[in-house]
N, C-alpha and C. Protein backbone atom coordinates (compact mmCIF):
# COMPACT_ATOMS: atom_id res chain seq x y z
N MET A 1 -14.57 -11.41 -24.69
CA MET A 1 -14.56 -9.97 -24.49
C MET A 1 -13.44 -9.60 -23.53
N THR A 2 -12.65 -8.61 -23.87
CA THR A 2 -11.53 -8.18 -23.04
C THR A 2 -12.02 -7.23 -21.95
N ALA A 3 -11.61 -7.51 -20.73
CA ALA A 3 -11.98 -6.66 -19.61
C ALA A 3 -11.07 -5.43 -19.60
N VAL A 4 -11.66 -4.25 -19.49
CA VAL A 4 -10.88 -3.01 -19.43
C VAL A 4 -10.93 -2.53 -17.99
N ARG A 5 -9.75 -2.42 -17.40
CA ARG A 5 -9.70 -1.96 -16.01
C ARG A 5 -9.63 -0.45 -15.98
N ALA A 6 -10.22 0.10 -14.96
CA ALA A 6 -10.18 1.55 -14.77
C ALA A 6 -8.77 1.96 -14.36
N PRO A 7 -8.31 3.12 -14.80
CA PRO A 7 -6.97 3.56 -14.38
C PRO A 7 -6.95 3.89 -12.89
N LEU A 8 -5.78 3.85 -12.32
CA LEU A 8 -5.62 4.21 -10.92
C LEU A 8 -5.89 5.70 -10.74
N ASN A 9 -6.22 6.08 -9.52
CA ASN A 9 -6.44 7.48 -9.21
C ASN A 9 -5.08 8.12 -8.91
N PRO A 10 -4.59 9.01 -9.77
CA PRO A 10 -3.26 9.59 -9.55
C PRO A 10 -3.18 10.50 -8.32
N ARG A 11 -4.30 10.83 -7.73
CA ARG A 11 -4.29 11.67 -6.53
C ARG A 11 -4.05 10.84 -5.26
N THR A 12 -4.09 9.53 -5.37
CA THR A 12 -3.94 8.66 -4.21
C THR A 12 -2.51 8.67 -3.69
N SER A 13 -1.54 8.53 -4.60
CA SER A 13 -0.14 8.49 -4.19
C SER A 13 0.75 8.74 -5.40
N LEU A 14 2.02 8.96 -5.15
CA LEU A 14 2.96 9.11 -6.26
C LEU A 14 3.13 7.80 -7.03
N TRP A 15 2.99 6.67 -6.35
CA TRP A 15 3.05 5.37 -7.04
C TRP A 15 1.91 5.25 -8.04
N HIS A 16 0.72 5.66 -7.61
CA HIS A 16 -0.42 5.60 -8.52
C HIS A 16 -0.27 6.62 -9.64
N MET A 17 0.30 7.78 -9.34
CA MET A 17 0.56 8.79 -10.36
C MET A 17 1.52 8.25 -11.42
N LEU A 18 2.57 7.60 -10.97
CA LEU A 18 3.55 7.03 -11.90
C LEU A 18 2.91 5.96 -12.77
N ALA A 19 2.15 5.04 -12.17
CA ALA A 19 1.48 3.99 -12.93
C ALA A 19 0.48 4.59 -13.93
N TYR A 20 -0.25 5.59 -13.48
CA TYR A 20 -1.23 6.27 -14.33
C TYR A 20 -0.53 6.90 -15.55
N LEU A 21 0.57 7.60 -15.33
CA LEU A 21 1.28 8.26 -16.42
C LEU A 21 1.94 7.25 -17.37
N LEU A 22 2.41 6.13 -16.82
CA LEU A 22 2.98 5.10 -17.69
C LEU A 22 1.91 4.55 -18.64
N ARG A 23 0.73 4.29 -18.09
CA ARG A 23 -0.36 3.79 -18.93
C ARG A 23 -0.79 4.86 -19.94
N TRP A 24 -0.89 6.11 -19.48
CA TRP A 24 -1.28 7.19 -20.36
C TRP A 24 -0.29 7.34 -21.53
N GLU A 25 0.99 7.27 -21.23
CA GLU A 25 2.03 7.38 -22.27
C GLU A 25 1.92 6.24 -23.27
N ARG A 26 1.69 5.03 -22.78
CA ARG A 26 1.55 3.86 -23.66
C ARG A 26 0.34 4.03 -24.57
N GLU A 27 -0.80 4.41 -24.00
CA GLU A 27 -2.02 4.56 -24.79
C GLU A 27 -1.92 5.74 -25.76
N LYS A 28 -1.28 6.82 -25.33
CA LYS A 28 -1.09 8.00 -26.19
C LYS A 28 -0.32 7.63 -27.45
N ASN A 29 0.65 6.72 -27.28
CA ASN A 29 1.49 6.32 -28.42
C ASN A 29 0.93 5.11 -29.15
N GLY A 30 -0.26 4.64 -28.73
CA GLY A 30 -0.91 3.52 -29.41
C GLY A 30 -0.16 2.21 -29.30
N LEU A 31 0.54 2.00 -28.19
CA LEU A 31 1.35 0.80 -28.02
C LEU A 31 0.58 -0.28 -27.26
N SER A 32 0.83 -1.52 -27.62
CA SER A 32 0.26 -2.66 -26.89
C SER A 32 1.15 -2.95 -25.68
N LEU A 33 0.67 -3.83 -24.81
CA LEU A 33 1.49 -4.24 -23.66
C LEU A 33 2.78 -4.91 -24.13
N VAL A 34 2.70 -5.67 -25.21
CA VAL A 34 3.89 -6.37 -25.75
C VAL A 34 4.91 -5.34 -26.25
N GLN A 35 4.44 -4.35 -27.03
CA GLN A 35 5.35 -3.33 -27.57
C GLN A 35 5.98 -2.51 -26.44
N TRP A 36 5.17 -2.15 -25.46
CA TRP A 36 5.66 -1.38 -24.31
C TRP A 36 6.70 -2.21 -23.55
N GLY A 37 6.41 -3.50 -23.39
CA GLY A 37 7.33 -4.39 -22.69
C GLY A 37 8.67 -4.52 -23.40
N LYS A 38 8.66 -4.54 -24.72
CA LYS A 38 9.92 -4.62 -25.47
C LYS A 38 10.77 -3.37 -25.24
N ILE A 39 10.12 -2.24 -25.16
CA ILE A 39 10.86 -0.99 -24.91
C ILE A 39 11.45 -1.00 -23.50
N ALA A 40 10.64 -1.40 -22.53
CA ALA A 40 11.06 -1.35 -21.12
C ALA A 40 11.73 -2.64 -20.66
N THR A 41 11.95 -3.57 -21.58
CA THR A 41 12.52 -4.90 -21.27
C THR A 41 11.76 -5.58 -20.14
N ALA A 42 10.45 -5.75 -20.38
CA ALA A 42 9.58 -6.39 -19.39
C ALA A 42 8.53 -7.23 -20.12
N ALA A 43 8.05 -8.25 -19.47
CA ALA A 43 6.99 -9.08 -20.03
C ALA A 43 5.69 -8.29 -20.05
N PRO A 44 4.79 -8.61 -20.98
CA PRO A 44 3.50 -7.90 -21.02
C PRO A 44 2.73 -7.99 -19.70
N SER A 45 2.83 -9.12 -19.02
CA SER A 45 2.14 -9.24 -17.73
C SER A 45 2.73 -8.29 -16.69
N THR A 46 4.03 -8.07 -16.77
CA THR A 46 4.69 -7.12 -15.86
C THR A 46 4.21 -5.71 -16.14
N VAL A 47 4.11 -5.36 -17.43
CA VAL A 47 3.63 -4.03 -17.81
C VAL A 47 2.21 -3.83 -17.28
N SER A 48 1.37 -4.84 -17.43
CA SER A 48 0.00 -4.77 -16.94
C SER A 48 -0.03 -4.58 -15.43
N ASN A 49 0.81 -5.32 -14.71
CA ASN A 49 0.87 -5.21 -13.25
C ASN A 49 1.39 -3.84 -12.80
N VAL A 50 2.33 -3.28 -13.55
CA VAL A 50 2.84 -1.94 -13.23
C VAL A 50 1.72 -0.92 -13.41
N GLU A 51 1.00 -1.02 -14.51
CA GLU A 51 -0.07 -0.07 -14.78
C GLU A 51 -1.23 -0.21 -13.80
N ALA A 52 -1.39 -1.39 -13.23
CA ALA A 52 -2.46 -1.63 -12.25
C ALA A 52 -2.01 -1.30 -10.83
N GLY A 53 -0.74 -0.93 -10.66
CA GLY A 53 -0.24 -0.58 -9.34
C GLY A 53 0.16 -1.77 -8.49
N ARG A 54 0.22 -2.96 -9.07
CA ARG A 54 0.59 -4.15 -8.31
C ARG A 54 2.10 -4.40 -8.33
N ARG A 55 2.80 -3.71 -9.20
CA ARG A 55 4.24 -3.86 -9.33
C ARG A 55 4.84 -2.50 -9.65
N LYS A 56 6.12 -2.33 -9.39
CA LYS A 56 6.76 -1.03 -9.61
C LYS A 56 7.90 -1.17 -10.62
N ILE A 57 8.10 -0.11 -11.41
CA ILE A 57 9.24 -0.12 -12.32
C ILE A 57 10.51 0.16 -11.52
N ASP A 58 11.65 -0.17 -12.09
CA ASP A 58 12.92 0.13 -11.42
C ASP A 58 13.58 1.32 -12.13
N GLU A 59 14.70 1.77 -11.59
CA GLU A 59 15.39 2.94 -12.13
C GLU A 59 15.84 2.73 -13.57
N ARG A 60 16.29 1.54 -13.87
CA ARG A 60 16.76 1.23 -15.23
C ARG A 60 15.62 1.38 -16.23
N GLN A 61 14.46 0.84 -15.88
CA GLN A 61 13.31 0.94 -16.77
C GLN A 61 12.83 2.38 -16.90
N ALA A 62 12.86 3.13 -15.82
CA ALA A 62 12.46 4.53 -15.87
C ALA A 62 13.37 5.31 -16.82
N LYS A 63 14.67 5.06 -16.76
CA LYS A 63 15.62 5.74 -17.65
C LYS A 63 15.36 5.37 -19.11
N ILE A 64 15.12 4.08 -19.36
CA ILE A 64 14.85 3.63 -20.73
C ILE A 64 13.60 4.31 -21.28
N LEU A 65 12.55 4.35 -20.48
CA LEU A 65 11.28 4.95 -20.93
C LEU A 65 11.42 6.46 -21.10
N ASP A 66 12.13 7.11 -20.20
CA ASP A 66 12.37 8.56 -20.34
C ASP A 66 13.12 8.86 -21.63
N CYS A 67 14.13 8.07 -21.92
CA CYS A 67 14.93 8.27 -23.12
C CYS A 67 14.09 8.02 -24.38
N HIS A 68 13.36 6.92 -24.40
CA HIS A 68 12.57 6.54 -25.58
C HIS A 68 11.48 7.57 -25.88
N PHE A 69 10.79 8.05 -24.84
CA PHE A 69 9.67 8.97 -25.05
C PHE A 69 10.04 10.43 -24.82
N GLN A 70 11.33 10.70 -24.58
CA GLN A 70 11.84 12.06 -24.42
C GLN A 70 11.01 12.87 -23.42
N THR A 71 10.89 12.34 -22.22
CA THR A 71 10.09 12.97 -21.18
C THR A 71 10.90 13.94 -20.32
N GLY A 72 12.19 14.04 -20.58
CA GLY A 72 13.02 14.94 -19.77
C GLY A 72 13.29 14.40 -18.38
N GLY A 73 13.19 13.09 -18.21
CA GLY A 73 13.48 12.47 -16.91
C GLY A 73 12.27 12.39 -15.99
N LEU A 74 11.06 12.58 -16.52
CA LEU A 74 9.86 12.59 -15.69
C LEU A 74 9.65 11.28 -14.93
N PHE A 75 9.75 10.14 -15.62
CA PHE A 75 9.50 8.86 -14.96
C PHE A 75 10.54 8.56 -13.88
N GLU A 76 11.77 8.89 -14.17
CA GLU A 76 12.83 8.68 -13.19
C GLU A 76 12.63 9.57 -11.96
N LEU A 77 12.23 10.80 -12.17
CA LEU A 77 11.98 11.73 -11.07
C LEU A 77 10.78 11.28 -10.24
N LEU A 78 9.69 10.90 -10.88
CA LEU A 78 8.52 10.41 -10.15
C LEU A 78 8.85 9.15 -9.35
N LEU A 79 9.64 8.27 -9.94
CA LEU A 79 10.06 7.06 -9.24
C LEU A 79 10.86 7.43 -7.99
N TRP A 80 11.78 8.37 -8.13
CA TRP A 80 12.60 8.79 -7.00
C TRP A 80 11.73 9.34 -5.88
N TYR A 81 10.79 10.23 -6.21
CA TYR A 81 9.91 10.81 -5.20
C TYR A 81 8.99 9.75 -4.59
N ALA A 82 8.49 8.84 -5.40
CA ALA A 82 7.60 7.79 -4.89
C ALA A 82 8.35 6.90 -3.89
N GLN A 83 9.61 6.58 -4.18
CA GLN A 83 10.40 5.75 -3.27
C GLN A 83 10.65 6.45 -1.95
N LYS A 84 10.70 7.77 -1.95
CA LYS A 84 10.97 8.54 -0.72
C LYS A 84 9.71 8.78 0.10
N GLY A 85 8.55 8.63 -0.53
CA GLY A 85 7.30 9.02 0.11
C GLY A 85 6.58 7.88 0.82
N HIS A 86 5.38 8.21 1.27
CA HIS A 86 4.53 7.27 1.99
C HIS A 86 3.90 6.27 1.03
N ASN A 87 3.85 5.02 1.43
CA ASN A 87 3.19 3.98 0.64
C ASN A 87 1.79 3.76 1.20
N PRO A 88 0.74 4.12 0.45
CA PRO A 88 -0.61 3.97 0.98
C PRO A 88 -1.03 2.51 1.14
N ASP A 89 -0.30 1.60 0.53
CA ASP A 89 -0.64 0.18 0.62
C ASP A 89 0.21 -0.55 1.66
N TRP A 90 0.76 0.18 2.63
CA TRP A 90 1.66 -0.42 3.62
C TRP A 90 0.98 -1.54 4.39
N ALA A 91 -0.30 -1.42 4.65
CA ALA A 91 -1.00 -2.42 5.47
C ALA A 91 -0.99 -3.79 4.79
N GLN A 92 -1.04 -3.82 3.46
CA GLN A 92 -1.03 -5.09 2.76
C GLN A 92 0.27 -5.85 2.99
N SER A 93 1.40 -5.15 3.03
CA SER A 93 2.67 -5.83 3.26
C SER A 93 2.74 -6.37 4.69
N VAL A 94 2.17 -5.64 5.65
CA VAL A 94 2.15 -6.10 7.03
C VAL A 94 1.31 -7.37 7.15
N ILE A 95 0.17 -7.38 6.49
CA ILE A 95 -0.71 -8.56 6.54
C ILE A 95 0.01 -9.78 5.98
N GLY A 96 0.81 -9.59 4.93
CA GLY A 96 1.57 -10.70 4.37
C GLY A 96 2.56 -11.28 5.36
N TYR A 97 3.24 -10.42 6.10
CA TYR A 97 4.18 -10.89 7.12
C TYR A 97 3.45 -11.57 8.27
N GLU A 98 2.32 -11.00 8.67
CA GLU A 98 1.55 -11.59 9.77
C GLU A 98 1.04 -12.98 9.41
N ALA A 99 0.72 -13.18 8.13
CA ALA A 99 0.18 -14.47 7.69
C ALA A 99 1.18 -15.60 7.89
N ILE A 100 2.47 -15.30 7.82
CA ILE A 100 3.48 -16.36 7.96
C ILE A 100 4.15 -16.36 9.33
N ALA A 101 3.77 -15.40 10.18
CA ALA A 101 4.40 -15.28 11.50
C ALA A 101 3.86 -16.32 12.46
N GLY A 102 4.72 -16.78 13.35
CA GLY A 102 4.31 -17.66 14.44
C GLY A 102 4.00 -16.87 15.70
N VAL A 103 4.68 -15.74 15.85
CA VAL A 103 4.51 -14.87 17.02
C VAL A 103 4.54 -13.42 16.54
N ILE A 104 3.67 -12.61 17.10
CA ILE A 104 3.70 -11.18 16.84
C ILE A 104 3.96 -10.49 18.16
N ARG A 105 5.03 -9.70 18.23
CA ARG A 105 5.36 -8.96 19.44
C ARG A 105 4.93 -7.52 19.26
N ILE A 106 4.19 -7.01 20.21
CA ILE A 106 3.65 -5.65 20.12
C ILE A 106 4.06 -4.88 21.36
N TYR A 107 4.59 -3.68 21.16
CA TYR A 107 4.75 -2.78 22.30
C TYR A 107 3.87 -1.58 22.02
N GLN A 108 2.94 -1.33 22.88
CA GLN A 108 2.05 -0.19 22.75
C GLN A 108 1.90 0.40 24.13
N GLY A 109 2.60 1.48 24.39
CA GLY A 109 2.64 2.02 25.74
C GLY A 109 1.40 2.75 26.19
N GLN A 110 0.69 3.40 25.28
CA GLN A 110 -0.38 4.29 25.70
C GLN A 110 -1.80 3.77 25.45
N ILE A 111 -1.97 2.87 24.50
CA ILE A 111 -3.30 2.36 24.19
C ILE A 111 -3.28 0.84 24.08
N ILE A 112 -4.45 0.25 24.08
CA ILE A 112 -4.55 -1.19 23.89
C ILE A 112 -4.27 -1.50 22.42
N PRO A 113 -3.42 -2.47 22.11
CA PRO A 113 -3.08 -2.79 20.72
C PRO A 113 -4.32 -3.16 19.89
N ALA A 114 -4.29 -2.84 18.62
CA ALA A 114 -5.43 -3.02 17.72
C ALA A 114 -6.08 -4.40 17.76
N PRO A 115 -5.32 -5.50 17.76
CA PRO A 115 -5.99 -6.80 17.74
C PRO A 115 -6.86 -7.07 18.97
N PHE A 116 -6.66 -6.31 20.04
CA PHE A 116 -7.38 -6.56 21.29
C PHE A 116 -8.39 -5.46 21.61
N GLN A 117 -8.55 -4.52 20.71
CA GLN A 117 -9.49 -3.43 20.94
C GLN A 117 -10.91 -3.87 20.62
N THR A 118 -11.84 -3.44 21.44
CA THR A 118 -13.24 -3.65 21.09
C THR A 118 -13.61 -2.61 20.04
N GLU A 119 -14.73 -2.82 19.37
CA GLU A 119 -15.17 -1.87 18.36
C GLU A 119 -15.41 -0.49 18.97
N ASP A 120 -16.02 -0.46 20.15
CA ASP A 120 -16.29 0.82 20.82
C ASP A 120 -14.99 1.54 21.19
N TYR A 121 -14.00 0.78 21.67
CA TYR A 121 -12.71 1.37 22.06
C TYR A 121 -12.03 1.96 20.83
N ALA A 122 -12.02 1.20 19.73
CA ALA A 122 -11.37 1.68 18.50
C ALA A 122 -12.08 2.93 17.97
N ARG A 123 -13.40 2.96 18.02
CA ARG A 123 -14.16 4.12 17.56
C ARG A 123 -13.83 5.35 18.42
N ALA A 124 -13.75 5.16 19.73
CA ALA A 124 -13.43 6.27 20.63
C ALA A 124 -12.02 6.79 20.36
N LEU A 125 -11.09 5.89 20.07
CA LEU A 125 -9.72 6.32 19.73
C LEU A 125 -9.73 7.18 18.47
N LEU A 126 -10.46 6.73 17.46
CA LEU A 126 -10.52 7.49 16.21
C LEU A 126 -11.14 8.86 16.43
N LEU A 127 -12.19 8.92 17.22
CA LEU A 127 -12.83 10.19 17.48
C LEU A 127 -11.93 11.14 18.27
N ALA A 128 -11.11 10.58 19.15
CA ALA A 128 -10.21 11.40 19.97
C ALA A 128 -8.95 11.81 19.20
N SER A 129 -8.67 11.14 18.08
CA SER A 129 -7.46 11.37 17.32
C SER A 129 -7.55 12.64 16.48
N SER A 130 -6.40 13.25 16.22
CA SER A 130 -6.37 14.39 15.31
C SER A 130 -6.33 13.91 13.86
N ASP A 131 -5.97 12.65 13.66
CA ASP A 131 -5.95 12.04 12.32
C ASP A 131 -7.32 11.44 12.06
N ARG A 132 -8.07 12.02 11.16
CA ARG A 132 -9.43 11.56 10.89
C ARG A 132 -9.51 10.57 9.73
N SER A 133 -8.36 10.08 9.24
CA SER A 133 -8.40 9.14 8.13
C SER A 133 -8.90 7.79 8.63
N PRO A 134 -9.65 7.07 7.78
CA PRO A 134 -10.19 5.78 8.22
C PRO A 134 -9.09 4.75 8.40
N PRO A 135 -9.24 3.82 9.33
CA PRO A 135 -8.22 2.80 9.54
C PRO A 135 -8.24 1.79 8.40
N ALA A 136 -7.17 1.01 8.30
CA ALA A 136 -7.13 -0.06 7.31
C ALA A 136 -8.22 -1.05 7.65
N GLY A 137 -9.16 -1.22 6.76
CA GLY A 137 -10.38 -1.98 7.05
C GLY A 137 -10.14 -3.44 7.40
N GLY A 138 -10.69 -3.85 8.50
CA GLY A 138 -10.72 -5.25 8.88
C GLY A 138 -9.40 -5.88 9.24
N MET A 139 -8.37 -5.11 9.53
CA MET A 139 -7.07 -5.72 9.83
C MET A 139 -7.15 -6.60 11.06
N ALA A 140 -7.81 -6.13 12.10
CA ALA A 140 -7.88 -6.91 13.33
C ALA A 140 -8.62 -8.21 13.09
N ALA A 141 -9.68 -8.15 12.32
CA ALA A 141 -10.45 -9.37 12.04
C ALA A 141 -9.60 -10.38 11.29
N ARG A 142 -8.80 -9.92 10.34
CA ARG A 142 -7.95 -10.84 9.58
C ARG A 142 -6.87 -11.44 10.47
N ARG A 143 -6.36 -10.66 11.40
CA ARG A 143 -5.31 -11.16 12.28
C ARG A 143 -5.81 -12.30 13.16
N LEU A 144 -7.04 -12.19 13.61
CA LEU A 144 -7.55 -13.15 14.58
C LEU A 144 -8.19 -14.36 13.93
N ARG A 145 -8.41 -14.33 12.61
CA ARG A 145 -8.97 -15.47 11.91
C ARG A 145 -7.91 -16.55 11.73
N GLY A 146 -8.30 -17.77 11.51
CA GLY A 146 -7.34 -18.82 11.22
C GLY A 146 -7.45 -19.97 12.18
N ASP A 147 -6.38 -20.72 12.26
CA ASP A 147 -6.42 -21.95 13.05
C ASP A 147 -6.04 -21.73 14.50
N GLY A 148 -5.78 -20.51 14.88
CA GLY A 148 -5.47 -20.22 16.28
C GLY A 148 -4.01 -20.46 16.64
N SER A 149 -3.16 -20.71 15.66
CA SER A 149 -1.76 -21.01 15.97
C SER A 149 -0.91 -19.75 16.18
N LEU A 150 -1.47 -18.60 15.91
CA LEU A 150 -0.72 -17.36 16.06
C LEU A 150 -0.72 -16.92 17.52
N ALA A 151 0.45 -16.61 18.03
CA ALA A 151 0.58 -16.15 19.41
C ALA A 151 0.94 -14.67 19.42
N PHE A 152 0.42 -13.94 20.38
CA PHE A 152 0.75 -12.54 20.56
C PHE A 152 1.51 -12.36 21.86
N ARG A 153 2.49 -11.49 21.83
CA ARG A 153 3.17 -11.06 23.05
C ARG A 153 3.01 -9.56 23.10
N VAL A 154 2.32 -9.08 24.13
CA VAL A 154 2.01 -7.67 24.23
C VAL A 154 2.63 -7.10 25.49
N GLU A 155 3.32 -5.97 25.33
CA GLU A 155 3.85 -5.25 26.48
C GLU A 155 3.25 -3.85 26.43
N GLN A 156 2.72 -3.42 27.56
CA GLN A 156 2.17 -2.07 27.61
C GLN A 156 2.16 -1.58 29.04
N GLU A 157 1.97 -0.29 29.20
CA GLU A 157 1.87 0.28 30.53
C GLU A 157 0.52 -0.07 31.14
N LYS A 158 0.47 -0.23 32.44
CA LYS A 158 -0.78 -0.55 33.12
C LYS A 158 -1.83 0.52 32.89
N ARG A 159 -1.38 1.77 32.78
CA ARG A 159 -2.32 2.88 32.60
C ARG A 159 -3.13 2.73 31.31
N ALA A 160 -2.55 2.12 30.29
CA ALA A 160 -3.27 1.99 29.02
C ALA A 160 -4.54 1.16 29.18
N ALA A 161 -4.49 0.14 29.99
CA ALA A 161 -5.66 -0.71 30.19
C ALA A 161 -6.70 -0.03 31.06
N ARG A 162 -6.28 0.92 31.89
CA ARG A 162 -7.21 1.60 32.80
C ARG A 162 -7.78 2.91 32.21
N ARG A 163 -7.14 3.43 31.18
CA ARG A 163 -7.52 4.73 30.62
C ARG A 163 -8.91 4.68 30.00
N ARG A 164 -9.73 5.68 30.32
CA ARG A 164 -11.07 5.78 29.73
C ARG A 164 -11.00 6.71 28.53
N LEU A 165 -11.71 6.33 27.48
CA LEU A 165 -11.79 7.15 26.28
C LEU A 165 -13.24 7.54 26.04
N GLY A 166 -13.52 8.79 26.07
CA GLY A 166 -14.88 9.24 25.78
C GLY A 166 -15.88 8.56 26.69
N ASP A 167 -16.91 7.96 26.09
CA ASP A 167 -17.97 7.28 26.83
C ASP A 167 -17.72 5.79 26.95
N VAL A 168 -16.57 5.33 26.52
CA VAL A 168 -16.27 3.88 26.53
C VAL A 168 -15.85 3.43 27.90
């Protein structure tokens, strides 16, 4: 039985919007991953990864697809805007770099850096913040897990360690 994955939410980011529209265009035209890949000069696995948001098309592929499906440059324009905008998956790339790092240097002048925050301190920071979006889940826990070979170098102002937040 073939597993059918749910499409990405196009409201999440322009990258997800682009992937969503690429899949929609392929399905609208009744094309398989192989047929779509031949048009975009990509392997079927690459097409699947693009549609799942795990990989991104390049400008050349966007132009080819725009030309083939006569979209008026829609894919190329969405790609351009997505490249200029915020990447909601930024935390995943940071985690990848941290996994291979021997030392992480942090400068945080006003607050205690995330890997050293207690749960109560982090909660108080979030409550005091004007940004009410949830933090990237479990990043601190992932940073501190492992064989203990990771070293941190932290520089901060003395006031940050003494500052009280809320009831903490």
